[in-house]
Amino acid sequence: QAEKNKAEIKEVFKDLNSQLEHSTKGKLSIKV
């Protein structure tokens, strides 16, 4: 379950960065 949770958290940040890359033309990246 911990592995699933951690993968889900990584996926949220991946989705966030995908949207940020599109809206900022690659000028913004966010991560832990």
Full PDB file with SEQRES, HELIX, SHEET, SSBOND, CRYST1, ORIGX, SCALE, CONECT and MASTER records, all heavy atoms in Angstrom:
SEQRES   1 A   32  GLN ALA GLU LYS ASN LYS ALA GLU ILE LYS GLU VAL PHE          
SEQRES   2 A   32  LYS ASP LEU ASN SER GLN LEU GLU HIS SER THR LYS GLY          
SEQRES   3 A   32  LYS LEU SER ILE LYS VAL                                      
HELIX    1 AA1 ALA A    2  THR A   24  1                                  23    
CRYST1    1.000    1.000    1.000  90.00  90.00  90.00 P 1           1          
ORIGX1      1.000000  0.000000  0.000000        0.00000                         
ORIGX2      0.000000  1.000000  0.000000        0.00000                         
ORIGX3      0.000000  0.000000  1.000000        0.00000                         
SCALE1      1.000000  0.000000  0.000000        0.00000                         
SCALE2      0.000000  1.000000  0.000000        0.00000                         
SCALE3      0.000000  0.000000  1.000000        0.00000                         
ATOM      1  N   GLN A   1       0.830  -1.206   0.000  1.00  0.00           N  
ATOM      2  CA  GLN A   1       0.000   0.000   0.000  1.00  0.00           C  
ATOM      3  C   GLN A   1       0.865   1.257   0.000  1.00  0.00           C  
ATOM      4  O   GLN A   1       0.554   2.237  -0.691  1.00  0.00           O  
ATOM      5  CB  GLN A   1      -0.956   0.019   1.198  1.00  0.00           C  
ATOM      6  CG  GLN A   1      -1.933   1.171   1.190  1.00  0.00           C  
ATOM      7  CD  GLN A   1      -2.834   1.178  -0.037  1.00  0.00           C  
ATOM      8  OE1 GLN A   1      -3.431   0.159  -0.388  1.00  0.00           O  
ATOM      9  NE2 GLN A   1      -2.940   2.315  -0.705  1.00  0.00           N  
ATOM     10  N   ALA A   2       1.959   1.233   0.740  1.00  0.00           N  
ATOM     11  CA  ALA A   2       2.874   2.378   0.768  1.00  0.00           C  
ATOM     12  C   ALA A   2       3.441   2.636  -0.624  1.00  0.00           C  
ATOM     13  O   ALA A   2       3.529   3.794  -1.056  1.00  0.00           O  
ATOM     14  CB  ALA A   2       4.002   2.132   1.773  1.00  0.00           C  
ATOM     15  N   GLU A   3       3.820   1.592  -1.334  1.00  0.00           N  
ATOM     16  CA  GLU A   3       4.341   1.755  -2.699  1.00  0.00           C  
ATOM     17  C   GLU A   3       3.285   2.358  -3.619  1.00  0.00           C  
ATOM     18  O   GLU A   3       3.586   3.225  -4.438  1.00  0.00           O  
ATOM     19  CB  GLU A   3       4.844   0.421  -3.253  1.00  0.00           C  
ATOM     20  CG  GLU A   3       6.129  -0.047  -2.604  1.00  0.00           C  
ATOM     21  CD  GLU A   3       7.262   0.955  -2.740  1.00  0.00           C  
ATOM     22  OE1 GLU A   3       7.518   1.448  -3.848  1.00  0.00           O  
ATOM     23  OE2 GLU A   3       7.899   1.257  -1.704  1.00  0.00           O  
ATOM     24  N   LYS A   4       2.042   1.915  -3.485  1.00  0.00           N  
ATOM     25  CA  LYS A   4       0.946   2.479  -4.290  1.00  0.00           C  
ATOM     26  C   LYS A   4       0.756   3.962  -3.967  1.00  0.00           C  
ATOM     27  O   LYS A   4       0.579   4.784  -4.861  1.00  0.00           O  
ATOM     28  CB  LYS A   4      -0.358   1.723  -4.035  1.00  0.00           C  
ATOM     29  CG  LYS A   4      -0.422   0.359  -4.655  1.00  0.00           C  
ATOM     30  CD  LYS A   4      -1.757  -0.310  -4.338  1.00  0.00           C  
ATOM     31  CE  LYS A   4      -1.792  -1.732  -4.843  1.00  0.00           C  
ATOM     32  NZ  LYS A   4      -3.051  -2.425  -4.478  1.00  0.00           N  
ATOM     33  N   ASN A   5       0.774   4.291  -2.677  1.00  0.00           N  
ATOM     34  CA  ASN A   5       0.601   5.682  -2.262  1.00  0.00           C  
ATOM     35  C   ASN A   5       1.713   6.566  -2.814  1.00  0.00           C  
ATOM     36  O   ASN A   5       1.461   7.658  -3.334  1.00  0.00           O  
ATOM     37  CB  ASN A   5       0.576   5.791  -0.734  1.00  0.00           C  
ATOM     38  CG  ASN A   5      -0.659   5.185  -0.116  1.00  0.00           C  
ATOM     39  OD1 ASN A   5      -1.649   4.917  -0.786  1.00  0.00           O  
ATOM     40  ND2 ASN A   5      -0.592   4.917   1.177  1.00  0.00           N  
ATOM     41  N   LYS A   6       2.964   6.104  -2.694  1.00  0.00           N  
ATOM     42  CA  LYS A   6       4.104   6.884  -3.179  1.00  0.00           C  
ATOM     43  C   LYS A   6       4.048   7.056  -4.690  1.00  0.00           C  
ATOM     44  O   LYS A   6       4.360   8.136  -5.209  1.00  0.00           O  
ATOM     45  CB  LYS A   6       5.413   6.237  -2.748  1.00  0.00           C  
ATOM     46  CG  LYS A   6       5.642   6.316  -1.253  1.00  0.00           C  
ATOM     47  CD  LYS A   6       6.856   5.513  -0.835  1.00  0.00           C  
ATOM     48  CE  LYS A   6       6.993   5.453   0.676  1.00  0.00           C  
ATOM     49  NZ  LYS A   6       8.120   4.599   1.082  1.00  0.00           N  
ATOM     50  N   ALA A   7       3.631   6.020  -5.406  1.00  0.00           N  
ATOM     51  CA  ALA A   7       3.487   6.123  -6.865  1.00  0.00           C  
ATOM     52  C   ALA A   7       2.390   7.123  -7.221  1.00  0.00           C  
ATOM     53  O   ALA A   7       2.524   7.894  -8.171  1.00  0.00           O  
ATOM     54  CB  ALA A   7       3.179   4.752  -7.464  1.00  0.00           C  
ATOM     55  N   GLU A   8       1.320   7.131  -6.438  1.00  0.00           N  
ATOM     56  CA  GLU A   8       0.221   8.070  -6.669  1.00  0.00           C  
ATOM     57  C   GLU A   8       0.687   9.509  -6.451  1.00  0.00           C  
ATOM     58  O   GLU A   8       0.356  10.405  -7.240  1.00  0.00           O  
ATOM     59  CB  GLU A   8      -0.937   7.735  -5.729  1.00  0.00           C  
ATOM     60  CG  GLU A   8      -2.151   8.623  -5.908  1.00  0.00           C  
ATOM     61  CD  GLU A   8      -3.293   8.147  -5.045  1.00  0.00           C  
ATOM     62  OE1 GLU A   8      -3.374   8.587  -3.870  1.00  0.00           O  
ATOM     63  OE2 GLU A   8      -4.109   7.344  -5.545  1.00  0.00           O  
ATOM     64  N   ILE A   9       1.467   9.738  -5.421  1.00  0.00           N  
ATOM     65  CA  ILE A   9       1.994  11.074  -5.147  1.00  0.00           C  
ATOM     66  C   ILE A   9       2.901  11.529  -6.286  1.00  0.00           C  
ATOM     67  O   ILE A   9       2.801  12.666  -6.758  1.00  0.00           O  
ATOM     68  CB  ILE A   9       2.716  11.100  -3.778  1.00  0.00           C  
ATOM     69  CG1 ILE A   9       1.681  10.936  -2.652  1.00  0.00           C  
ATOM     70  CG2 ILE A   9       3.522  12.379  -3.597  1.00  0.00           C  
ATOM     71  CD1 ILE A   9       2.272  10.621  -1.294  1.00  0.00           C  
ATOM     72  N   LYS A  10       3.755  10.642  -6.764  1.00  0.00           N  
ATOM     73  CA  LYS A  10       4.616  10.971  -7.909  1.00  0.00           C  
ATOM     74  C   LYS A  10       3.780  11.296  -9.139  1.00  0.00           C  
ATOM     75  O   LYS A  10       4.109  12.206  -9.905  1.00  0.00           O  
ATOM     76  CB  LYS A  10       5.562   9.813  -8.223  1.00  0.00           C  
ATOM     77  CG  LYS A  10       6.700   9.686  -7.255  1.00  0.00           C  
ATOM     78  CD  LYS A  10       7.635   8.547  -7.643  1.00  0.00           C  
ATOM     79  CE  LYS A  10       8.745   8.394  -6.633  1.00  0.00           C  
ATOM     80  NZ  LYS A  10       9.651   7.288  -6.967  1.00  0.00           N  
ATOM     81  N   GLU A  11       2.701  10.576  -9.333  1.00  0.00           N  
ATOM     82  CA  GLU A  11       1.821  10.817 -10.476  1.00  0.00           C  
ATOM     83  C   GLU A  11       1.161  12.191 -10.379  1.00  0.00           C  
ATOM     84  O   GLU A  11       1.004  12.880 -11.392  1.00  0.00           O  
ATOM     85  CB  GLU A  11       0.758   9.720 -10.551  1.00  0.00           C  
ATOM     86  CG  GLU A  11      -0.061   9.758 -11.815  1.00  0.00           C  
ATOM     87  CD  GLU A  11      -1.045   8.601 -11.889  1.00  0.00           C  
ATOM     88  OE1 GLU A  11      -0.644   7.461 -11.600  1.00  0.00           O  
ATOM     89  OE2 GLU A  11      -2.212   8.868 -12.232  1.00  0.00           O  
ATOM     90  N   VAL A  12       0.779  12.606  -9.177  1.00  0.00           N  
ATOM     91  CA  VAL A  12       0.187  13.934  -8.997  1.00  0.00           C  
ATOM     92  C   VAL A  12       1.191  15.010  -9.418  1.00  0.00           C  
ATOM     93  O   VAL A  12       0.846  15.947 -10.143  1.00  0.00           O  
ATOM     94  CB  VAL A  12      -0.282  14.143  -7.537  1.00  0.00           C  
ATOM     95  CG1 VAL A  12      -0.650  15.603  -7.286  1.00  0.00           C  
ATOM     96  CG2 VAL A  12      -1.462  13.236  -7.219  1.00  0.00           C  
ATOM     97  N   PHE A  13       2.441  14.875  -8.984  1.00  0.00           N  
ATOM     98  CA  PHE A  13       3.461  15.856  -9.375  1.00  0.00           C  
ATOM     99  C   PHE A  13       3.761  15.785 -10.871  1.00  0.00           C  
ATOM    100  O   PHE A  13       4.013  16.812 -11.498  1.00  0.00           O  
ATOM    101  CB  PHE A  13       4.736  15.674  -8.538  1.00  0.00           C  
ATOM    102  CG  PHE A  13       4.655  16.337  -7.194  1.00  0.00           C  
ATOM    103  CD1 PHE A  13       4.190  15.644  -6.086  1.00  0.00           C  
ATOM    104  CD2 PHE A  13       5.009  17.667  -7.039  1.00  0.00           C  
ATOM    105  CE1 PHE A  13       4.100  16.254  -4.848  1.00  0.00           C  
ATOM    106  CE2 PHE A  13       4.926  18.303  -5.806  1.00  0.00           C  
ATOM    107  CZ  PHE A  13       4.463  17.585  -4.705  1.00  0.00           C  
ATOM    108  N   LYS A  14       3.689  14.594 -11.446  1.00  0.00           N  
ATOM    109  CA  LYS A  14       3.885  14.457 -12.892  1.00  0.00           C  
ATOM    110  C   LYS A  14       2.767  15.188 -13.645  1.00  0.00           C  
ATOM    111  O   LYS A  14       3.024  15.914 -14.606  1.00  0.00           O  
ATOM    112  CB  LYS A  14       3.922  12.983 -13.279  1.00  0.00           C  
ATOM    113  CG  LYS A  14       4.182  12.733 -14.737  1.00  0.00           C  
ATOM    114  CD  LYS A  14       4.218  11.247 -15.049  1.00  0.00           C  
ATOM    115  CE  LYS A  14       4.379  11.035 -16.539  1.00  0.00           C  
ATOM    116  NZ  LYS A  14       4.290   9.612 -16.889  1.00  0.00           N  
ATOM    117  N   ASP A  15       1.526  15.013 -13.199  1.00  0.00           N  
ATOM    118  CA  ASP A  15       0.393  15.722 -13.812  1.00  0.00           C  
ATOM    119  C   ASP A  15       0.536  17.232 -13.658  1.00  0.00           C  
ATOM    120  O   ASP A  15       0.283  17.990 -14.590  1.00  0.00           O  
ATOM    121  CB  ASP A  15      -0.933  15.265 -13.197  1.00  0.00           C  
ATOM    122  CG  ASP A  15      -1.294  13.826 -13.525  1.00  0.00           C  
ATOM    123  OD1 ASP A  15      -0.663  13.233 -14.435  1.00  0.00           O  
ATOM    124  OD2 ASP A  15      -2.199  13.282 -12.855  1.00  0.00           O  
ATOM    125  N   LEU A  16       0.928  17.660 -12.460  1.00  0.00           N  
ATOM    126  CA  LEU A  16       1.147  19.084 -12.201  1.00  0.00           C  
ATOM    127  C   LEU A  16       2.167  19.648 -13.180  1.00  0.00           C  
ATOM    128  O   LEU A  16       1.939  20.669 -13.831  1.00  0.00           O  
ATOM    129  CB  LEU A  16       1.634  19.281 -10.761  1.00  0.00           C  
ATOM    130  CG  LEU A  16       2.208  20.646 -10.383  1.00  0.00           C  
ATOM    131  CD1 LEU A  16       1.142  21.719 -10.437  1.00  0.00           C  
ATOM    132  CD2 LEU A  16       2.839  20.583  -9.000  1.00  0.00           C  
ATOM    133  N   ASN A  17       3.295  18.972 -13.327  1.00  0.00           N  
ATOM    134  CA  ASN A  17       4.357  19.468 -14.197  1.00  0.00           C  
ATOM    135  C   ASN A  17       3.982  19.414 -15.666  1.00  0.00           C  
ATOM    136  O   ASN A  17       4.412  20.264 -16.441  1.00  0.00           O  
ATOM    137  CB  ASN A  17       5.665  18.730 -13.917  1.00  0.00           C  
ATOM    138  CG  ASN A  17       6.327  19.282 -12.692  1.00  0.00           C  
ATOM    139  OD1 ASN A  17       6.636  20.457 -12.613  1.00  0.00           O  
ATOM    140  ND2 ASN A  17       6.523  18.438 -11.691  1.00  0.00           N  
ATOM    141  N   SER A  18       3.183  18.455 -16.045  1.00  0.00           N  
ATOM    142  CA  SER A  18       2.713  18.392 -17.427  1.00  0.00           C  
ATOM    143  C   SER A  18       1.879  19.627 -17.754  1.00  0.00           C  
ATOM    144  O   SER A  18       2.049  20.249 -18.806  1.00  0.00           O  
ATOM    145  CB  SER A  18       1.890  17.117 -17.626  1.00  0.00           C  
ATOM    146  OG  SER A  18       1.351  17.073 -18.916  1.00  0.00           O  
ATOM    147  N   GLN A  19       0.994  19.995 -16.843  1.00  0.00           N  
ATOM    148  CA  GLN A  19       0.164  21.187 -17.057  1.00  0.00           C  
ATOM    149  C   GLN A  19       1.000  22.460 -16.997  1.00  0.00           C  
ATOM    150  O   GLN A  19       0.781  23.383 -17.789  1.00  0.00           O  
ATOM    151  CB  GLN A  19      -0.962  21.229 -16.036  1.00  0.00           C  
ATOM    152  CG  GLN A  19      -2.003  20.145 -16.262  1.00  0.00           C  
ATOM    153  CD  GLN A  19      -3.161  20.252 -15.293  1.00  0.00           C  
ATOM    154  OE1 GLN A  19      -3.612  21.356 -14.966  1.00  0.00           O  
ATOM    155  NE2 GLN A  19      -3.656  19.114 -14.833  1.00  0.00           N  
ATOM    156  N   LEU A  20       1.948  22.513 -16.059  1.00  0.00           N  
ATOM    157  CA  LEU A  20       2.799  23.698 -15.957  1.00  0.00           C  
ATOM    158  C   LEU A  20       3.666  23.862 -17.193  1.00  0.00           C  
ATOM    159  O   LEU A  20       3.875  24.974 -17.668  1.00  0.00           O  
ATOM    160  CB  LEU A  20       3.682  23.613 -14.712  1.00  0.00           C  
ATOM    161  CG  LEU A  20       2.996  23.703 -13.362  1.00  0.00           C  
ATOM    162  CD1 LEU A  20       4.002  23.516 -12.244  1.00  0.00           C  
ATOM    163  CD2 LEU A  20       2.250  25.015 -13.215  1.00  0.00           C  
ATOM    164  N   GLU A  21       4.187  22.761 -17.712  1.00  0.00           N  
ATOM    165  CA  GLU A  21       5.023  22.831 -18.912  1.00  0.00           C  
ATOM    166  C   GLU A  21       4.223  23.408 -20.077  1.00  0.00           C  
ATOM    167  O   GLU A  21       4.712  24.265 -20.806  1.00  0.00           O  
ATOM    168  CB  GLU A  21       5.550  21.445 -19.282  1.00  0.00           C  
ATOM    169  CG  GLU A  21       6.468  21.491 -20.475  1.00  0.00           C  
ATOM    170  CD  GLU A  21       7.067  20.133 -20.809  1.00  0.00           C  
ATOM    171  OE1 GLU A  21       6.856  19.170 -20.056  1.00  0.00           O  
ATOM    172  OE2 GLU A  21       7.733  20.046 -21.848  1.00  0.00           O  
ATOM    173  N   HIS A  22       2.996  22.973 -20.197  1.00  0.00           N  
ATOM    174  CA  HIS A  22       2.139  23.475 -21.275  1.00  0.00           C  
ATOM    175  C   HIS A  22       1.810  24.958 -21.087  1.00  0.00           C  
ATOM    176  O   HIS A  22       1.919  25.748 -22.022  1.00  0.00           O  
ATOM    177  CB  HIS A  22       0.855  22.642 -21.349  1.00  0.00           C  
ATOM    178  CG  HIS A  22      -0.108  23.129 -22.369  1.00  0.00           C  
ATOM    179  ND1 HIS A  22       0.100  22.977 -23.720  1.00  0.00           N  
ATOM    180  CD2 HIS A  22      -1.277  23.792 -22.237  1.00  0.00           C  
ATOM    181  CE1 HIS A  22      -0.906  23.529 -24.384  1.00  0.00           C  
ATOM    182  NE2 HIS A  22      -1.754  24.023 -23.503  1.00  0.00           N  
ATOM    183  N   SER A  23       1.431  25.333 -19.873  1.00  0.00           N  
ATOM    184  CA  SER A  23       0.978  26.718 -19.658  1.00  0.00           C  
ATOM    185  C   SER A  23       2.118  27.723 -19.552  1.00  0.00           C  
ATOM    186  O   SER A  23       1.884  28.917 -19.723  1.00  0.00           O  
ATOM    187  CB  SER A  23       0.074  26.801 -18.429  1.00  0.00           C  
ATOM    188  OG  SER A  23       0.766  26.410 -17.279  1.00  0.00           O  
ATOM    189  N   THR A  24       3.345  27.272 -19.269  1.00  0.00           N  
ATOM    190  CA  THR A  24       4.469  28.204 -19.152  1.00  0.00           C  
ATOM    191  C   THR A  24       5.512  27.995 -20.255  1.00  0.00           C  
ATOM    192  O   THR A  24       6.608  28.553 -20.172  1.00  0.00           O  
ATOM    193  CB  THR A  24       5.175  28.067 -17.787  1.00  0.00           C  
ATOM    194  OG1 THR A  24       5.778  26.773 -17.701  1.00  0.00           O  
ATOM    195  CG2 THR A  24       4.211  28.283 -16.640  1.00  0.00           C  
ATOM    196  N   LYS A  25       5.176  27.189 -21.231  1.00  0.00           N  
ATOM    197  CA  LYS A  25       6.102  26.878 -22.333  1.00  0.00           C  
ATOM    198  C   LYS A  25       7.425  26.317 -21.804  1.00  0.00           C  
ATOM    199  O   LYS A  25       8.507  26.685 -22.255  1.00  0.00           O  
ATOM    200  CB  LYS A  25       6.329  28.087 -23.214  1.00  0.00           C  
ATOM    201  CG  LYS A  25       5.055  28.565 -23.881  1.00  0.00           C  
ATOM    202  CD  LYS A  25       5.293  29.749 -24.787  1.00  0.00           C  
ATOM    203  CE  LYS A  25       4.015  30.063 -25.516  1.00  0.00           C  
ATOM    204  NZ  LYS A  25       3.332  31.227 -25.105  1.00  0.00           N  
ATOM    205  N   GLY A  26       7.324  25.443 -20.811  1.00  0.00           N  
ATOM    206  CA  GLY A  26       8.496  24.768 -20.273  1.00  0.00           C  
ATOM    207  C   GLY A  26       9.334  25.582 -19.316  1.00  0.00           C  
ATOM    208  O   GLY A  26      10.449  25.194 -18.990  1.00  0.00           O  
ATOM    209  N   LYS A  27       8.798  26.696 -18.819  1.00  0.00           N  
ATOM    210  CA  LYS A  27       9.588  27.568 -17.946  1.00  0.00           C  
ATOM    211  C   LYS A  27       9.320  27.364 -16.462  1.00  0.00           C  
ATOM    212  O   LYS A  27       9.732  28.175 -15.642  1.00  0.00           O  
ATOM    213  CB  LYS A  27       9.336  29.038 -18.312  1.00  0.00           C  
ATOM    214  CG  LYS A  27       9.923  29.422 -19.651  1.00  0.00           C  
ATOM    215  CD  LYS A  27       9.835  30.908 -19.839  1.00  0.00           C  
ATOM    216  CE  LYS A  27      10.680  31.329 -21.023  1.00  0.00           C  
ATOM    217  NZ  LYS A  27      10.980  32.741 -20.991  1.00  0.00           N  
ATOM    218  N   LEU A  28       8.636  26.278 -16.106  1.00  0.00           N  
ATOM    219  CA  LEU A  28       8.373  26.046 -14.689  1.00  0.00           C  
ATOM    220  C   LEU A  28       8.255  24.559 -14.418  1.00  0.00           C  
ATOM    221  O   LEU A  28       7.571  23.832 -15.127  1.00  0.00           O  
ATOM    222  CB  LEU A  28       7.079  26.754 -14.266  1.00  0.00           C  
ATOM    223  CG  LEU A  28       6.805  26.844 -12.778  1.00  0.00           C  
ATOM    224  CD1 LEU A  28       7.913  27.581 -12.043  1.00  0.00           C  
ATOM    225  CD2 LEU A  28       5.481  27.531 -12.530  1.00  0.00           C  
ATOM    226  N   SER A  29       8.950  24.147 -13.370  1.00  0.00           N  
ATOM    227  CA  SER A  29       8.926  22.763 -12.919  1.00  0.00           C  
ATOM    228  C   SER A  29       8.880  22.771 -11.394  1.00  0.00           C  
ATOM    229  O   SER A  29       9.585  23.550 -10.754  1.00  0.00           O  
ATOM    230  CB  SER A  29      10.191  22.047 -13.413  1.00  0.00           C  
ATOM    231  OG  SER A  29      10.301  20.786 -12.835  1.00  0.00           O  
ATOM    232  N   ILE A  30       8.049  21.888 -10.827  1.00  0.00           N  
ATOM    233  CA  ILE A  30       7.885  21.821  -9.375  1.00  0.00           C  
ATOM    234  C   ILE A  30       8.068  20.384  -8.927  1.00  0.00           C  
ATOM    235  O   ILE A  30       7.533  19.468  -9.545  1.00  0.00           O  
ATOM    236  CB  ILE A  30       6.489  22.347  -8.957  1.00  0.00           C  
ATOM    237  CG1 ILE A  30       6.382  23.841  -9.260  1.00  0.00           C  
ATOM    238  CG2 ILE A  30       6.208  22.065  -7.489  1.00  0.00           C  
ATOM    239  CD1 ILE A  30       5.031  24.445  -8.950  1.00  0.00           C  
ATOM    240  N   LYS A  31       8.842  20.215  -7.850  1.00  0.00           N  
ATOM    241  CA  LYS A  31       9.015  18.865  -7.315  1.00  0.00           C  
ATOM    242  C   LYS A  31       9.404  18.924  -5.844  1.00  0.00           C  
ATOM    243  O   LYS A  31       9.740  19.986  -5.323  1.00  0.00           O  
ATOM    244  CB  LYS A  31      10.061  18.096  -8.111  1.00  0.00           C  
ATOM    245  CG  LYS A  31      11.487  18.517  -7.872  1.00  0.00           C  
ATOM    246  CD  LYS A  31      12.442  17.596  -8.638  1.00  0.00           C  
ATOM    247  CE  LYS A  31      13.837  17.679  -8.090  1.00  0.00           C  
ATOM    248  NZ  LYS A  31      14.715  16.676  -8.670  1.00  0.00           N  
ATOM    249  N   VAL A  32       9.345  17.764  -5.212  1.00  0.00           N  
ATOM    250  CA  VAL A  32       9.800  17.636  -3.833  1.00  0.00           C  
ATOM    251  C   VAL A  32      11.319  17.513  -3.872  1.00  0.00           C  
ATOM    252  O   VAL A  32      11.868  16.700  -4.615  1.00  0.00           O  
ATOM    253  CB  VAL A  32       9.164  16.413  -3.150  1.00  0.00           C  
ATOM    254  CG1 VAL A  32       9.733  16.217  -1.765  1.00  0.00           C  
ATOM    255  CG2 VAL A  32       7.648  16.559  -3.097  1.00  0.00           C  
TER     256      VAL A  32                                                      
MASTER        0    0    0    1    0    0    0    6  255    1    0    3          
END                                                                             
